[in-house]
Amino acid sequence: MSFFLTIDTAVSGASICLADATGVIGFRENPEQKESAAWLQPAIRDLFLDSGIALRSLSVIAVSAGPGSYTGLRVGLATAKGLCYALGCHLVTVNTLEMMAAAALPATTLLCPMIDARRQEVFTAVYGPGLDEIVPTGSLVLNETSFDTVLDKGPISFFGNGSAKFRALTAHPNASFPDVTVNARHLVPFAMQALREQRFADLAYSEPQYGKAFFSPGFPPSA
């Protein structure tokens, strides 16, 4: 039987999930972002002790790889890579915005996860209800018309810890702002799919997707 460990430290706080093909076996979460580095590895140890499953039984470790918190991304990926090296299991890296979009499924609108990047800036992308990428991951300085080109074509759900900034700016009738909870549970389907397809990250060269350059005023930026 294949076991999966998933790790999310990308946005706010940290969470881990242990699962197999039948579903979630165990879950741990710490909402305090500044505690992620000290919390993560003891939490993984306790999760496996409580489950009675040996770490060496892991087939895949999946981690949210950014964009997001600089420190959080480094903590999560370093832990995942270290365990993969030690245990000989596979690494899967998942775009944090895609993971957030998956947490909002099922959906009938386009999905626009947003991660706070300070001031009026966010990391964001737009996905269809099947997680097809409509607008690729980018960094954006928000204004009132940032998404009008896409919103004029139909409804979009904006969510994530950066969406409040856009909610304060837009009055577009096609914009909605649902509450969406995101954690390491939402990485499990990505881990399972990667195992089925034998599609894994390069353990030596995988890096966090920090996201740096910002664009304004429109999104996506003009070519």
Protein backbone atom coordinates (compact mmCIF):
# COMPACT_ATOMS: atom_id res chain seq x y z
CA MET A 1 0.00 0.00 0.00
CA SER A 2 1.18 3.53 -0.82
CA PHE A 3 1.25 6.20 1.87
CA PHE A 4 1.40 9.93 1.23
CA LEU A 5 2.66 12.77 3.44
CA THR A 6 1.65 16.28 2.44
CA ILE A 7 3.10 19.52 3.82
CA ASP A 8 1.79 23.07 3.49
CA THR A 9 3.73 25.96 5.03
CA ALA A 10 3.31 28.40 2.15
CA VAL A 11 0.85 31.05 3.31
CA SER A 12 -0.20 31.29 6.95
CA GLY A 13 0.69 28.68 9.51
CA ALA A 14 1.47 25.06 8.69
CA SER A 15 -0.37 21.81 8.21
CA ILE A 16 0.52 18.20 7.45
CA CYS A 17 -1.57 15.25 6.33
CA LEU A 18 -0.95 11.51 6.18
CA ALA A 19 -3.10 9.60 3.70
CA ASP A 20 -3.41 6.46 1.63
CA ALA A 21 -5.57 5.61 -1.37
CA THR A 22 -8.66 5.26 0.85
CA GLY A 23 -8.41 8.74 2.40
CA VAL A 24 -6.92 10.79 5.21
CA ILE A 25 -5.29 8.86 8.06
CA GLY A 26 -4.14 11.78 10.19
CA PHE A 27 -3.91 15.56 10.12
CA ARG A 28 -2.10 18.24 12.14
CA GLU A 29 -2.31 22.02 11.88
CA ASN A 30 -0.68 25.04 13.51
CA PRO A 31 -2.12 28.45 12.53
CA GLU A 32 0.86 30.45 13.85
CA GLN A 33 3.07 31.31 10.87
CA LYS A 34 6.11 32.23 12.96
CA GLU A 35 6.10 28.81 14.64
CA SER A 36 6.27 26.70 11.47
CA ALA A 37 10.00 25.97 11.61
CA ALA A 38 9.88 24.71 15.21
CA TRP A 39 6.53 22.96 14.85
CA LEU A 40 6.83 21.06 11.59
CA GLN A 41 9.25 18.21 12.21
CA PRO A 42 8.00 17.29 15.72
CA ALA A 43 4.47 17.34 14.30
CA ILE A 44 5.46 14.87 11.56
CA ARG A 45 7.06 12.60 14.16
CA ASP A 46 3.94 12.68 16.34
CA LEU A 47 1.64 12.14 13.36
CA PHE A 48 3.42 8.91 12.46
CA LEU A 49 3.68 7.73 16.04
CA ASP A 50 -0.03 8.21 16.54
CA SER A 51 -0.89 6.46 13.27
CA GLY A 52 1.31 3.45 13.91
CA ILE A 53 2.72 3.79 10.38
CA ALA A 54 6.48 3.77 9.85
CA LEU A 55 8.08 6.71 8.06
CA ARG A 56 9.88 4.26 5.77
CA SER A 57 6.47 3.21 4.42
CA LEU A 58 6.04 6.54 2.62
CA SER A 59 5.86 6.48 -1.18
CA VAL A 60 5.42 10.21 -1.86
CA ILE A 61 5.89 13.49 -0.01
CA ALA A 62 4.04 16.42 -1.58
CA VAL A 63 4.70 20.02 -0.59
CA SER A 64 3.22 23.39 -1.52
CA ALA A 65 6.12 25.07 -3.31
CA GLY A 66 4.95 28.65 -3.69
CA PRO A 67 4.35 31.38 -4.24
CA GLY A 68 3.98 32.38 -0.62
CA SER A 69 5.91 33.16 2.52
CA TYR A 70 9.65 33.17 1.88
CA THR A 71 10.49 31.52 5.19
CA GLY A 72 7.52 29.15 5.11
CA LEU A 73 8.40 27.88 1.64
CA ARG A 74 11.99 27.20 2.65
CA VAL A 75 10.94 25.36 5.80
CA GLY A 76 8.41 23.17 3.99
CA LEU A 77 10.54 22.24 1.01
CA ALA A 78 13.70 21.68 3.06
CA THR A 79 11.80 19.30 5.34
CA ALA A 80 10.24 17.45 2.41
CA LYS A 81 13.55 17.09 0.58
CA GLY A 82 15.40 15.94 3.68
CA LEU A 83 12.83 13.23 4.35
CA CYS A 84 12.84 12.13 0.71
CA TYR A 85 16.64 11.80 0.74
CA ALA A 86 16.59 9.85 3.98
CA LEU A 87 13.68 7.57 3.13
CA GLY A 88 14.20 7.12 -0.60
CA CYS A 89 10.68 8.27 -1.46
CA HIS A 90 9.45 10.58 -4.22
CA LEU A 91 9.01 14.36 -4.02
CA VAL A 92 6.03 16.19 -5.53
CA THR A 93 5.95 20.00 -5.62
CA VAL A 94 2.61 21.77 -6.12
CA ASN A 95 1.95 25.38 -7.06
CA THR A 96 0.34 26.91 -3.97
CA LEU A 97 -2.25 28.81 -6.01
CA GLU A 98 -3.30 25.61 -7.80
CA MET A 99 -3.63 23.87 -4.43
CA MET A 100 -5.84 26.75 -3.25
CA ALA A 101 -7.99 26.49 -6.38
CA ALA A 102 -8.39 22.75 -5.75
CA ALA A 103 -9.65 23.55 -2.26
CA ALA A 104 -12.47 25.60 -3.79
CA LEU A 105 -13.82 22.72 -5.89
CA PRO A 106 -16.45 21.88 -6.98
CA ALA A 107 -17.07 25.25 -8.61
CA THR A 108 -19.23 26.79 -11.31
CA THR A 109 -17.17 29.99 -11.65
CA LEU A 110 -13.60 30.77 -12.55
CA LEU A 111 -11.34 30.58 -9.50
CA CYS A 112 -8.89 33.28 -8.49
CA PRO A 113 -6.82 32.45 -5.39
CA MET A 114 -4.85 35.37 -3.96
CA ILE A 115 -1.90 35.36 -1.58
CA ASP A 116 -1.07 38.54 0.31
CA ALA A 117 2.28 39.96 -0.78
CA ARG A 118 2.09 43.16 1.33
CA ARG A 119 0.94 46.66 0.43
CA GLN A 120 -1.47 46.39 -2.54
CA GLU A 121 0.37 43.39 -3.97
CA VAL A 122 -0.77 39.79 -4.35
CA PHE A 123 0.38 36.55 -5.92
CA THR A 124 -2.48 35.26 -8.03
CA ALA A 125 -3.70 33.21 -11.01
CA VAL A 126 -7.04 32.30 -12.57
CA TYR A 127 -8.24 28.70 -12.99
CA GLY A 128 -11.26 27.11 -14.59
CA PRO A 129 -13.57 24.71 -12.70
CA GLY A 130 -11.44 21.82 -14.01
CA LEU A 131 -8.22 23.47 -12.72
CA ASP A 132 -7.26 24.45 -16.25
CA GLU A 133 -5.04 27.52 -16.09
CA ILE A 134 -6.80 30.57 -17.57
CA VAL A 135 -4.28 33.17 -16.40
CA PRO A 136 -0.87 31.92 -15.24
CA THR A 137 0.69 32.59 -11.86
CA GLY A 138 1.89 36.13 -11.49
CA SER A 139 2.49 38.96 -9.05
CA LEU A 140 0.13 41.89 -9.22
CA VAL A 141 -0.25 45.39 -7.82
CA LEU A 142 -4.03 45.65 -7.45
CA ASN A 143 -6.25 48.47 -8.59
CA GLU A 144 -9.97 48.86 -9.32
CA THR A 145 -9.76 47.46 -12.86
CA SER A 146 -7.15 44.74 -12.39
CA PHE A 147 -9.47 41.88 -13.44
CA ASP A 148 -12.07 43.71 -15.51
CA THR A 149 -11.00 42.03 -18.77
CA VAL A 150 -11.71 38.59 -17.29
CA LEU A 151 -14.67 39.65 -15.12
CA ASP A 152 -16.47 41.15 -18.12
CA LYS A 153 -16.62 37.63 -19.58
CA GLY A 154 -18.22 35.95 -16.54
CA PRO A 155 -18.19 35.36 -12.78
CA ILE A 156 -14.99 34.82 -10.79
CA SER A 157 -14.59 33.70 -7.18
CA PHE A 158 -11.76 35.50 -5.38
CA PHE A 159 -10.41 33.97 -2.17
CA GLY A 160 -7.30 33.57 -0.07
CA ASN A 161 -5.63 35.93 2.37
CA GLY A 162 -4.98 38.52 -0.33
CA SER A 163 -8.54 38.71 -1.65
CA ALA A 164 -9.72 41.26 0.92
CA LYS A 165 -7.55 43.85 -0.81
CA PHE A 166 -9.39 43.38 -4.08
CA ARG A 167 -12.79 43.19 -2.38
CA ALA A 168 -12.18 46.72 -1.08
CA LEU A 169 -11.43 47.95 -4.61
CA THR A 170 -13.93 46.32 -6.96
CA ALA A 171 -17.67 46.75 -7.39
CA HIS A 172 -17.88 44.47 -10.43
CA PRO A 173 -21.10 42.40 -10.35
CA ASN A 174 -19.27 39.25 -11.50
CA ALA A 175 -16.87 39.26 -8.55
CA SER A 176 -17.64 37.08 -5.51
CA PHE A 177 -15.57 36.45 -2.38
CA PRO A 178 -16.31 33.06 -0.78
CA ASP A 179 -14.56 31.73 2.31
CA VAL A 180 -12.29 28.84 1.29
CA THR A 181 -10.29 26.79 3.80
CA VAL A 182 -6.96 25.54 2.47
CA ASN A 183 -4.60 23.06 4.13
CA ALA A 184 -2.38 20.06 3.48
CA ARG A 185 -5.40 17.79 2.87
CA HIS A 186 -5.82 19.50 -0.49
CA LEU A 187 -2.39 18.29 -1.61
CA VAL A 188 -3.33 14.61 -1.32
CA PRO A 189 -4.99 14.33 -4.77
CA PHE A 190 -1.89 15.88 -6.36
CA ALA A 191 0.34 13.32 -4.62
CA MET A 192 -1.87 10.43 -5.75
CA GLN A 193 -2.01 11.66 -9.33
CA ALA A 194 1.77 12.12 -9.44
CA LEU A 195 2.26 8.54 -8.27
CA ARG A 196 -0.16 7.20 -10.88
CA GLU A 197 1.62 9.13 -13.62
CA GLN A 198 5.12 8.57 -12.18
CA ARG A 199 5.66 12.32 -12.40
CA PHE A 200 7.96 13.56 -9.65
CA ALA A 201 10.07 16.62 -8.87
CA ASP A 202 13.85 16.61 -9.18
CA LEU A 203 15.01 16.07 -5.63
CA ALA A 204 18.35 17.82 -6.10
CA TYR A 205 17.22 20.89 -8.02
CA SER A 206 13.68 21.66 -6.83
CA GLU A 207 13.38 25.19 -5.45
CA PRO A 208 10.54 27.26 -3.97
CA GLN A 209 8.61 29.49 -6.36
CA TYR A 210 9.04 32.72 -4.47
CA GLY A 211 7.53 35.09 -7.02
CA LYS A 212 9.21 38.47 -7.27
CA ALA A 213 8.42 40.81 -10.18
CA PHE A 214 5.15 42.74 -9.85
CA PHE A 215 2.94 44.05 -12.64
CA SER A 216 0.53 46.98 -12.75
CA PRO A 217 -2.12 48.01 -13.59
CA GLY A 218 -3.62 45.17 -15.66
CA PHE A 219 -3.58 41.43 -15.13
CA PRO A 220 -2.23 39.56 -16.97
CA PRO A 221 0.54 41.99 -17.98
CA SER A 222 0.78 43.02 -21.61
CA ALA A 223 3.35 41.20 -23.72
